[in-house]
């Protein structure tokens, strides 16, 4: 596949910015796909979610790609505003894909998260993009699968009634109803 970019979703890291096994596995899969397919860009996603660290996980993943993947820093972009998969899709579309004319995108996550990732990215990006999700192999637990299902139901509830790819209404709904962005769970994020 002739990918325009690879978007890698973050998982967890320690306070020093060292990736956990799941984030490392995602990065390794992305690095392999980057080199095999000669993709021009890799995008790492995730905010500075730890209260004991100023490091955004997107930057920790970027550092990993440079150090472990031998990827030129100029080929790596970061999205540090996103706080979850929905934000990963919304902000990478708005800040990168639309501005750069990307249309074929590989999204890398974990195996248990592929289905929800594919649904969310297809919905946010809309019909004019080809999105393919791949997952790094993990030891999936029943709890993770249960969380995936409840998160997907919450996603459907949050964006109910909005057409796929409708950027203006999707953004408005994110800031109004999504608890990770409207101030309910984390500090409210300002609209761009």
Foldseek 3Di string as FASTA:
>chain_A
DQFQEEEEEADDADQVLHHDPQRVLLLVVRLVCCVVNVHQAYEYEFAPPDPNHRDTNRVSSLVCCVVVSVDDSVRYHYHHPDHDLLSSLLCCVVPPCVVPVTAEYEYEHAPLQQVLSVVNNCQQQDDRHHYHYDHGYDDDDPVSNVVNVVVSVVVCVQCPPDGRNPNVSSLVSCCVPPCVAVCNPHHHDDDD
